[in-house]
Amino acid sequence: MNIRVPTRADLPAISLVLRDTELFPVEMLDDLISPFLSGSSTDDRWLVCETDNRNVVGFSYCRREPLTEGTWNLLAIGLRKQQQGRGLGKALLHGVEQLLANERLLIVDTSGLETFSATRAFYEKCGYEREAVIRDYWADGDDKVTYRKPLR
C-alpha cells in the first residue's frame, strides 16, 4: 500500500472510487482537481491510496479554510467498497494528517443520519472529537456533524 499525490493518469481510478462511494458527482471531479494538478491552487491537497500492485483504490481531498490560521477541511475521503475495512482509510487519513503536519487544525463534516454511523465511528476511532451539530443542515432531518483534530 502506498499513499501519494495523484497525477492526471489517476483520474479514471478516482472516478471509480466516486462511483462506489457517491461522495460527490463524478462530473465535478475534473473541475475540482484540475487546479491542483496544474499547480495553480495552493489551497487544495489531494492524495491517493494505491495497493501493492499500483491500483488506485482511494483518495482524499482537503482544502484550506479561508480567513483562518492553519485550519483545513477534509472535504472527501473514500475507498472502493471492496477495499473498505482493511485499514486503508485509516492510512489515507493519516497521510492527510502528515501532509498537513505544520498546520493547526483539521475539520471534517459528515451526516448525522444512522446510515453514517460507521463514518462517525471511523473518525472517532481515528482520534477526532465531535465538535458541533447543525440540525437539518443537509436536508430536513439530516444534521451536519463536525469533527476536529489538532494537527500540532
N, C-alpha and C. Protein backbone atom coordinates (compact mmCIF):
# COMPACT_ATOMS: atom_id res chain seq x y z
N MET A 1 0.84 -1.17 0.00
CA MET A 1 0.00 0.00 0.00
C MET A 1 0.89 1.24 0.00
N ASN A 2 0.46 2.25 -0.75
CA ASN A 2 1.22 3.48 -0.88
C ASN A 2 0.25 4.66 -0.90
N ILE A 3 0.58 5.71 -0.17
CA ILE A 3 -0.17 6.96 -0.19
C ILE A 3 0.70 7.97 -0.92
N ARG A 4 0.13 8.61 -1.95
CA ARG A 4 0.92 9.55 -2.75
C ARG A 4 0.04 10.63 -3.35
N VAL A 5 0.68 11.63 -3.93
CA VAL A 5 -0.01 12.70 -4.64
C VAL A 5 -0.49 12.15 -5.98
N PRO A 6 -1.71 12.46 -6.39
CA PRO A 6 -2.23 11.93 -7.66
C PRO A 6 -1.65 12.65 -8.87
N THR A 7 -1.76 11.98 -10.01
CA THR A 7 -1.44 12.55 -11.30
C THR A 7 -2.69 12.50 -12.16
N ARG A 8 -2.64 13.14 -13.31
CA ARG A 8 -3.79 13.11 -14.22
C ARG A 8 -4.14 11.68 -14.63
N ALA A 9 -3.14 10.81 -14.67
CA ALA A 9 -3.38 9.41 -15.05
C ALA A 9 -4.25 8.67 -14.03
N ASP A 10 -4.37 9.21 -12.82
CA ASP A 10 -5.18 8.59 -11.77
C ASP A 10 -6.66 8.93 -11.86
N LEU A 11 -7.04 9.86 -12.72
CA LEU A 11 -8.44 10.31 -12.76
C LEU A 11 -9.44 9.19 -13.03
N PRO A 12 -9.18 8.25 -13.95
CA PRO A 12 -10.16 7.17 -14.13
C PRO A 12 -10.36 6.34 -12.86
N ALA A 13 -9.29 6.07 -12.12
CA ALA A 13 -9.41 5.29 -10.89
C ALA A 13 -10.14 6.08 -9.81
N ILE A 14 -9.86 7.38 -9.71
CA ILE A 14 -10.57 8.21 -8.73
C ILE A 14 -12.06 8.26 -9.09
N SER A 15 -12.36 8.30 -10.39
CA SER A 15 -13.76 8.27 -10.82
C SER A 15 -14.46 6.99 -10.37
N LEU A 16 -13.75 5.86 -10.42
CA LEU A 16 -14.34 4.60 -9.94
C LEU A 16 -14.63 4.66 -8.44
N VAL A 17 -13.73 5.28 -7.68
CA VAL A 17 -13.98 5.45 -6.24
C VAL A 17 -15.23 6.29 -6.04
N LEU A 18 -15.36 7.36 -6.81
CA LEU A 18 -16.54 8.21 -6.69
C LEU A 18 -17.82 7.46 -7.03
N ARG A 19 -17.77 6.61 -8.04
CA ARG A 19 -18.96 5.83 -8.40
C ARG A 19 -19.34 4.87 -7.26
N ASP A 20 -18.32 4.30 -6.61
CA ASP A 20 -18.57 3.38 -5.49
C ASP A 20 -19.13 4.11 -4.27
N THR A 21 -18.58 5.28 -3.97
CA THR A 21 -18.89 5.96 -2.71
C THR A 21 -19.95 7.04 -2.82
N GLU A 22 -20.14 7.59 -4.02
CA GLU A 22 -21.07 8.69 -4.23
C GLU A 22 -20.80 9.88 -3.32
N LEU A 23 -19.51 10.16 -3.07
CA LEU A 23 -19.13 11.31 -2.24
C LEU A 23 -19.56 12.63 -2.88
N PHE A 24 -19.38 12.71 -4.17
CA PHE A 24 -19.88 13.83 -4.95
C PHE A 24 -19.98 13.35 -6.40
N PRO A 25 -20.71 14.07 -7.25
CA PRO A 25 -20.90 13.61 -8.63
C PRO A 25 -19.57 13.51 -9.39
N VAL A 26 -19.39 12.44 -10.13
CA VAL A 26 -18.17 12.21 -10.90
C VAL A 26 -17.92 13.38 -11.85
N GLU A 27 -18.97 13.99 -12.35
CA GLU A 27 -18.83 15.10 -13.29
C GLU A 27 -18.11 16.30 -12.68
N MET A 28 -18.06 16.39 -11.38
CA MET A 28 -17.39 17.51 -10.71
C MET A 28 -15.88 17.30 -10.55
N LEU A 29 -15.42 16.07 -10.73
CA LEU A 29 -14.03 15.74 -10.43
C LEU A 29 -13.03 16.61 -11.18
N ASP A 30 -13.17 16.71 -12.47
CA ASP A 30 -12.17 17.45 -13.25
C ASP A 30 -12.08 18.91 -12.80
N ASP A 31 -13.22 19.54 -12.57
CA ASP A 31 -13.21 20.94 -12.11
C ASP A 31 -12.55 21.08 -10.74
N LEU A 32 -12.75 20.10 -9.88
CA LEU A 32 -12.18 20.18 -8.53
C LEU A 32 -10.68 19.91 -8.51
N ILE A 33 -10.22 18.92 -9.27
CA ILE A 33 -8.83 18.50 -9.16
C ILE A 33 -7.88 19.22 -10.13
N SER A 34 -8.41 19.76 -11.23
CA SER A 34 -7.54 20.38 -12.24
C SER A 34 -6.65 21.50 -11.69
N PRO A 35 -7.17 22.42 -10.86
CA PRO A 35 -6.27 23.46 -10.32
C PRO A 35 -5.11 22.87 -9.51
N PHE A 36 -5.39 21.79 -8.79
CA PHE A 36 -4.32 21.14 -8.02
C PHE A 36 -3.29 20.51 -8.95
N LEU A 37 -3.77 19.76 -9.95
CA LEU A 37 -2.86 19.06 -10.86
C LEU A 37 -2.03 20.03 -11.69
N SER A 38 -2.58 21.20 -11.99
CA SER A 38 -1.84 22.19 -12.78
C SER A 38 -0.88 23.02 -11.92
N GLY A 39 -1.00 22.88 -10.61
CA GLY A 39 -0.15 23.65 -9.71
C GLY A 39 -0.64 25.07 -9.47
N SER A 40 -1.84 25.38 -9.93
CA SER A 40 -2.35 26.74 -9.76
C SER A 40 -3.09 26.95 -8.44
N SER A 41 -3.33 25.88 -7.68
CA SER A 41 -4.02 26.01 -6.39
C SER A 41 -3.07 25.67 -5.25
N THR A 42 -2.94 26.60 -4.32
CA THR A 42 -2.15 26.32 -3.11
C THR A 42 -3.06 26.00 -1.93
N ASP A 43 -4.36 26.05 -2.15
CA ASP A 43 -5.31 25.83 -1.06
C ASP A 43 -5.95 24.45 -1.07
N ASP A 44 -5.59 23.59 -2.03
CA ASP A 44 -6.14 22.24 -2.12
C ASP A 44 -5.03 21.22 -1.94
N ARG A 45 -5.38 20.08 -1.35
CA ARG A 45 -4.47 18.96 -1.24
C ARG A 45 -5.23 17.69 -1.59
N TRP A 46 -4.65 16.88 -2.43
CA TRP A 46 -5.22 15.59 -2.84
C TRP A 46 -4.19 14.52 -2.59
N LEU A 47 -4.66 13.35 -2.18
CA LEU A 47 -3.82 12.16 -2.06
C LEU A 47 -4.58 10.98 -2.63
N VAL A 48 -3.85 9.98 -3.08
CA VAL A 48 -4.47 8.72 -3.48
C VAL A 48 -3.83 7.60 -2.69
N CYS A 49 -4.58 6.53 -2.55
CA CYS A 49 -4.12 5.30 -1.91
C CYS A 49 -4.08 4.23 -2.98
N GLU A 50 -2.91 3.61 -3.13
CA GLU A 50 -2.81 2.54 -4.12
C GLU A 50 -2.38 1.25 -3.44
N THR A 51 -2.82 0.15 -3.99
CA THR A 51 -2.45 -1.16 -3.46
C THR A 51 -1.04 -1.50 -3.91
N ASP A 52 -0.55 -2.63 -3.43
CA ASP A 52 0.81 -3.05 -3.77
C ASP A 52 0.99 -3.25 -5.27
N ASN A 53 -0.07 -3.57 -6.00
CA ASN A 53 0.05 -3.72 -7.45
C ASN A 53 -0.27 -2.42 -8.19
N ARG A 54 -0.18 -1.29 -7.47
CA ARG A 54 -0.30 0.06 -8.03
C ARG A 54 -1.69 0.43 -8.55
N ASN A 55 -2.71 -0.25 -8.06
CA ASN A 55 -4.09 0.14 -8.39
C ASN A 55 -4.56 1.18 -7.40
N VAL A 56 -5.00 2.33 -7.90
CA VAL A 56 -5.54 3.37 -7.02
C VAL A 56 -6.93 2.93 -6.57
N VAL A 57 -7.10 2.85 -5.24
CA VAL A 57 -8.36 2.35 -4.68
C VAL A 57 -9.03 3.37 -3.75
N GLY A 58 -8.38 4.53 -3.56
CA GLY A 58 -8.95 5.54 -2.69
C GLY A 58 -8.32 6.89 -2.92
N PHE A 59 -8.97 7.92 -2.38
CA PHE A 59 -8.43 9.27 -2.50
C PHE A 59 -8.93 10.12 -1.34
N SER A 60 -8.24 11.23 -1.12
CA SER A 60 -8.69 12.24 -0.17
C SER A 60 -8.53 13.61 -0.80
N TYR A 61 -9.37 14.52 -0.36
CA TYR A 61 -9.35 15.89 -0.86
C TYR A 61 -9.64 16.82 0.31
N CYS A 62 -8.72 17.75 0.55
CA CYS A 62 -8.94 18.74 1.60
C CYS A 62 -8.58 20.12 1.08
N ARG A 63 -9.10 21.10 1.75
CA ARG A 63 -8.92 22.49 1.33
C ARG A 63 -8.71 23.37 2.55
N ARG A 64 -7.82 24.35 2.38
CA ARG A 64 -7.59 25.35 3.42
C ARG A 64 -8.88 26.14 3.62
N GLU A 65 -9.22 26.37 4.88
CA GLU A 65 -10.40 27.19 5.19
C GLU A 65 -10.00 28.66 5.07
N PRO A 66 -10.70 29.42 4.21
CA PRO A 66 -10.37 30.84 4.06
C PRO A 66 -10.58 31.59 5.37
N LEU A 67 -9.81 32.61 5.55
CA LEU A 67 -9.93 33.53 6.69
C LEU A 67 -9.62 32.87 8.03
N THR A 68 -8.87 31.76 8.01
CA THR A 68 -8.46 31.11 9.26
C THR A 68 -6.94 31.01 9.28
N GLU A 69 -6.41 30.70 10.43
CA GLU A 69 -4.98 30.49 10.59
C GLU A 69 -4.71 28.99 10.70
N GLY A 70 -4.35 28.37 9.58
CA GLY A 70 -3.95 26.97 9.59
C GLY A 70 -5.06 25.95 9.79
N THR A 71 -6.28 26.30 9.42
CA THR A 71 -7.39 25.35 9.52
C THR A 71 -7.69 24.78 8.14
N TRP A 72 -7.81 23.46 8.07
CA TRP A 72 -8.10 22.75 6.82
C TRP A 72 -9.37 21.94 7.00
N ASN A 73 -10.08 21.72 5.89
CA ASN A 73 -11.33 20.98 5.90
C ASN A 73 -11.17 19.76 4.99
N LEU A 74 -11.36 18.58 5.55
CA LEU A 74 -11.34 17.35 4.76
C LEU A 74 -12.70 17.23 4.08
N LEU A 75 -12.73 17.51 2.79
CA LEU A 75 -13.99 17.54 2.05
C LEU A 75 -14.41 16.17 1.55
N ALA A 76 -13.44 15.28 1.32
CA ALA A 76 -13.78 13.94 0.82
C ALA A 76 -12.65 12.98 1.14
N ILE A 77 -13.04 11.78 1.53
CA ILE A 77 -12.12 10.67 1.68
C ILE A 77 -12.93 9.42 1.37
N GLY A 78 -12.42 8.58 0.48
CA GLY A 78 -13.19 7.42 0.10
C GLY A 78 -12.33 6.31 -0.46
N LEU A 79 -12.83 5.10 -0.33
CA LEU A 79 -12.18 3.90 -0.84
C LEU A 79 -13.19 3.09 -1.64
N ARG A 80 -12.68 2.35 -2.62
CA ARG A 80 -13.54 1.40 -3.32
C ARG A 80 -14.17 0.48 -2.28
N LYS A 81 -15.40 0.09 -2.48
CA LYS A 81 -16.12 -0.71 -1.48
C LYS A 81 -15.39 -1.99 -1.11
N GLN A 82 -14.80 -2.67 -2.08
CA GLN A 82 -14.13 -3.94 -1.78
C GLN A 82 -12.83 -3.74 -0.99
N GLN A 83 -12.38 -2.50 -0.84
CA GLN A 83 -11.15 -2.21 -0.09
C GLN A 83 -11.44 -1.70 1.32
N GLN A 84 -12.69 -1.43 1.62
CA GLN A 84 -13.04 -0.87 2.93
C GLN A 84 -12.90 -1.93 4.02
N GLY A 85 -12.58 -1.47 5.22
CA GLY A 85 -12.45 -2.36 6.37
C GLY A 85 -11.10 -3.05 6.48
N ARG A 86 -10.12 -2.59 5.72
CA ARG A 86 -8.79 -3.23 5.72
C ARG A 86 -7.70 -2.31 6.26
N GLY A 87 -8.09 -1.16 6.82
CA GLY A 87 -7.12 -0.22 7.38
C GLY A 87 -6.60 0.80 6.38
N LEU A 88 -7.06 0.74 5.14
CA LEU A 88 -6.57 1.68 4.13
C LEU A 88 -7.11 3.09 4.37
N GLY A 89 -8.35 3.19 4.82
CA GLY A 89 -8.92 4.50 5.13
C GLY A 89 -8.16 5.19 6.24
N LYS A 90 -7.82 4.43 7.26
CA LYS A 90 -7.04 4.99 8.37
C LYS A 90 -5.67 5.44 7.88
N ALA A 91 -5.04 4.64 7.02
CA ALA A 91 -3.74 5.01 6.47
C ALA A 91 -3.84 6.27 5.60
N LEU A 92 -4.90 6.36 4.82
CA LEU A 92 -5.10 7.54 3.98
C LEU A 92 -5.33 8.78 4.83
N LEU A 93 -6.14 8.65 5.87
CA LEU A 93 -6.39 9.78 6.77
C LEU A 93 -5.10 10.19 7.47
N HIS A 94 -4.31 9.22 7.87
CA HIS A 94 -3.01 9.52 8.50
C HIS A 94 -2.11 10.25 7.49
N GLY A 95 -2.18 9.86 6.23
CA GLY A 95 -1.41 10.56 5.19
C GLY A 95 -1.81 12.02 5.08
N VAL A 96 -3.09 12.30 5.17
CA VAL A 96 -3.58 13.68 5.15
C VAL A 96 -3.00 14.43 6.34
N GLU A 97 -3.07 13.81 7.52
CA GLU A 97 -2.57 14.46 8.72
C GLU A 97 -1.07 14.74 8.62
N GLN A 98 -0.32 13.82 8.06
CA GLN A 98 1.11 14.03 7.88
C GLN A 98 1.38 15.15 6.88
N LEU A 99 0.62 15.18 5.81
CA LEU A 99 0.76 16.22 4.79
C LEU A 99 0.53 17.61 5.39
N LEU A 100 -0.38 17.69 6.35
CA LEU A 100 -0.74 18.95 6.98
C LEU A 100 -0.12 19.13 8.36
N ALA A 101 0.94 18.40 8.65
CA ALA A 101 1.52 18.37 9.99
C ALA A 101 1.94 19.75 10.50
N ASN A 102 2.28 20.67 9.64
CA ASN A 102 2.68 22.01 10.07
C ASN A 102 1.51 22.97 10.18
N GLU A 103 0.32 22.48 9.91
CA GLU A 103 -0.89 23.31 10.03
C GLU A 103 -1.46 23.15 11.43
N ARG A 104 -2.56 23.83 11.71
CA ARG A 104 -3.08 23.89 13.07
C ARG A 104 -4.22 22.92 13.34
N LEU A 105 -5.18 22.80 12.42
CA LEU A 105 -6.41 22.09 12.74
C LEU A 105 -7.01 21.48 11.47
N LEU A 106 -7.54 20.26 11.61
CA LEU A 106 -8.26 19.61 10.51
C LEU A 106 -9.69 19.36 10.98
N ILE A 107 -10.65 19.80 10.16
CA ILE A 107 -12.05 19.53 10.47
C ILE A 107 -12.63 18.66 9.38
N VAL A 108 -13.69 17.95 9.73
CA VAL A 108 -14.40 17.12 8.76
C VAL A 108 -15.88 17.15 9.12
N ASP A 109 -16.71 17.25 8.09
CA ASP A 109 -18.15 17.26 8.26
C ASP A 109 -18.73 15.98 7.70
N THR A 110 -19.73 15.46 8.38
CA THR A 110 -20.43 14.28 7.90
C THR A 110 -21.90 14.39 8.29
N SER A 111 -22.64 13.40 7.92
CA SER A 111 -24.08 13.40 8.17
C SER A 111 -24.40 12.76 9.53
N GLY A 112 -25.48 13.23 10.12
CA GLY A 112 -25.97 12.65 11.36
C GLY A 112 -26.92 11.48 11.16
N LEU A 113 -27.20 11.13 9.90
CA LEU A 113 -28.11 10.01 9.65
C LEU A 113 -27.53 8.70 10.17
N GLU A 114 -28.41 7.79 10.51
CA GLU A 114 -27.99 6.48 11.02
C GLU A 114 -27.10 5.75 10.00
N THR A 115 -27.36 5.95 8.73
CA THR A 115 -26.56 5.28 7.70
C THR A 115 -25.11 5.76 7.69
N PHE A 116 -24.80 6.85 8.39
CA PHE A 116 -23.44 7.37 8.51
C PHE A 116 -22.82 7.06 9.87
N SER A 117 -23.44 6.18 10.65
CA SER A 117 -22.90 5.88 11.98
C SER A 117 -21.51 5.26 11.90
N ALA A 118 -21.25 4.43 10.89
CA ALA A 118 -19.91 3.84 10.74
C ALA A 118 -18.89 4.92 10.38
N THR A 119 -19.30 5.90 9.60
CA THR A 119 -18.40 7.01 9.25
C THR A 119 -18.03 7.80 10.49
N ARG A 120 -19.02 8.11 11.31
CA ARG A 120 -18.74 8.85 12.54
C ARG A 120 -17.86 8.04 13.48
N ALA A 121 -18.12 6.75 13.57
CA ALA A 121 -17.29 5.87 14.42
C ALA A 121 -15.85 5.84 13.91
N PHE A 122 -15.67 5.84 12.59
CA PHE A 122 -14.34 5.85 11.99
C PHE A 122 -13.56 7.08 12.45
N TYR A 123 -14.16 8.26 12.34
CA TYR A 123 -13.45 9.48 12.75
C TYR A 123 -13.15 9.46 14.24
N GLU A 124 -14.08 9.00 15.03
CA GLU A 124 -13.84 8.95 16.47
C GLU A 124 -12.72 7.97 16.80
N LYS A 125 -12.68 6.82 16.11
CA LYS A 125 -11.62 5.84 16.32
C LYS A 125 -10.26 6.40 15.91
N CYS A 126 -10.26 7.33 14.96
CA CYS A 126 -9.02 7.94 14.48
C CYS A 126 -8.62 9.18 15.29
N GLY A 127 -9.30 9.41 16.40
CA GLY A 127 -8.90 10.49 17.31
C GLY A 127 -9.55 11.83 17.06
N TYR A 128 -10.62 11.87 16.27
CA TYR A 128 -11.33 13.12 16.01
C TYR A 128 -12.39 13.32 17.08
N GLU A 129 -12.55 14.57 17.50
CA GLU A 129 -13.54 14.91 18.53
C GLU A 129 -14.76 15.53 17.86
N ARG A 130 -15.94 15.09 18.30
CA ARG A 130 -17.18 15.71 17.80
C ARG A 130 -17.25 17.11 18.37
N GLU A 131 -17.33 18.08 17.48
CA GLU A 131 -17.29 19.48 17.89
C GLU A 131 -18.65 20.16 17.83
N ALA A 132 -19.43 19.86 16.79
CA ALA A 132 -20.68 20.59 16.61
C ALA A 132 -21.68 19.77 15.80
N VAL A 133 -22.93 20.10 16.00
CA VAL A 133 -24.02 19.52 15.21
C VAL A 133 -24.92 20.68 14.77
N ILE A 134 -25.16 20.76 13.48
CA ILE A 134 -26.12 21.74 12.95
C ILE A 134 -27.32 20.95 12.46
N ARG A 135 -28.42 21.11 13.15
CA ARG A 135 -29.62 20.35 12.82
C ARG A 135 -30.14 20.72 11.44
N ASP A 136 -30.62 19.71 10.73
CA ASP A 136 -31.28 19.87 9.43
C ASP A 136 -30.40 20.59 8.40
N TYR A 137 -29.10 20.42 8.48
CA TYR A 137 -28.19 21.14 7.59
C TYR A 137 -28.25 20.62 6.14
N TRP A 138 -28.06 19.32 5.97
CA TRP A 138 -28.02 18.76 4.61
C TRP A 138 -29.42 18.69 4.00
N ALA A 139 -30.39 18.40 4.85
CA ALA A 139 -31.80 18.33 4.45
C ALA A 139 -32.61 18.22 5.74
N ASP A 140 -33.90 18.33 5.64
CA ASP A 140 -34.73 18.15 6.84
C ASP A 140 -34.44 16.78 7.44
N GLY A 141 -34.09 16.76 8.72
CA GLY A 141 -33.81 15.51 9.41
C GLY A 141 -32.39 14.99 9.21
N ASP A 142 -31.56 15.68 8.45
CA ASP A 142 -30.19 15.25 8.18
C ASP A 142 -29.22 16.31 8.71
N ASP A 143 -28.73 16.06 9.92
CA ASP A 143 -27.84 17.01 10.59
C ASP A 143 -26.43 16.96 10.03
N LYS A 144 -25.72 18.08 10.14
CA LYS A 144 -24.29 18.13 9.84
C LYS A 144 -23.56 17.92 11.16
N VAL A 145 -22.65 16.94 11.19
CA VAL A 145 -21.85 16.65 12.37
C VAL A 145 -20.41 17.00 12.02
N THR A 146 -19.81 17.91 12.81
CA THR A 146 -18.45 18.36 12.55
C THR A 146 -17.51 17.78 13.59
N TYR A 147 -16.41 17.23 13.08
CA TYR A 147 -15.34 16.70 13.92
C TYR A 147 -14.11 17.56 13.73
N ARG A 148 -13.22 17.53 14.74
CA ARG A 148 -11.98 18.31 14.67
C ARG A 148 -10.83 17.49 15.23
N LYS A 149 -9.64 17.80 14.74
CA LYS A 149 -8.43 17.19 15.29
C LYS A 149 -7.29 18.20 15.17
N PRO A 150 -6.68 18.56 16.31
CA PRO A 150 -5.50 19.42 16.24
C PRO A 150 -4.36 18.67 15.53
N LEU A 151 -3.62 19.40 14.70
CA LEU A 151 -2.55 18.76 13.93
C LEU A 151 -1.17 18.94 14.56
N ARG A 152 -1.06 19.86 15.49
CA ARG A 152 0.25 20.04 16.16
C ARG A 152 0.07 20.23 17.63
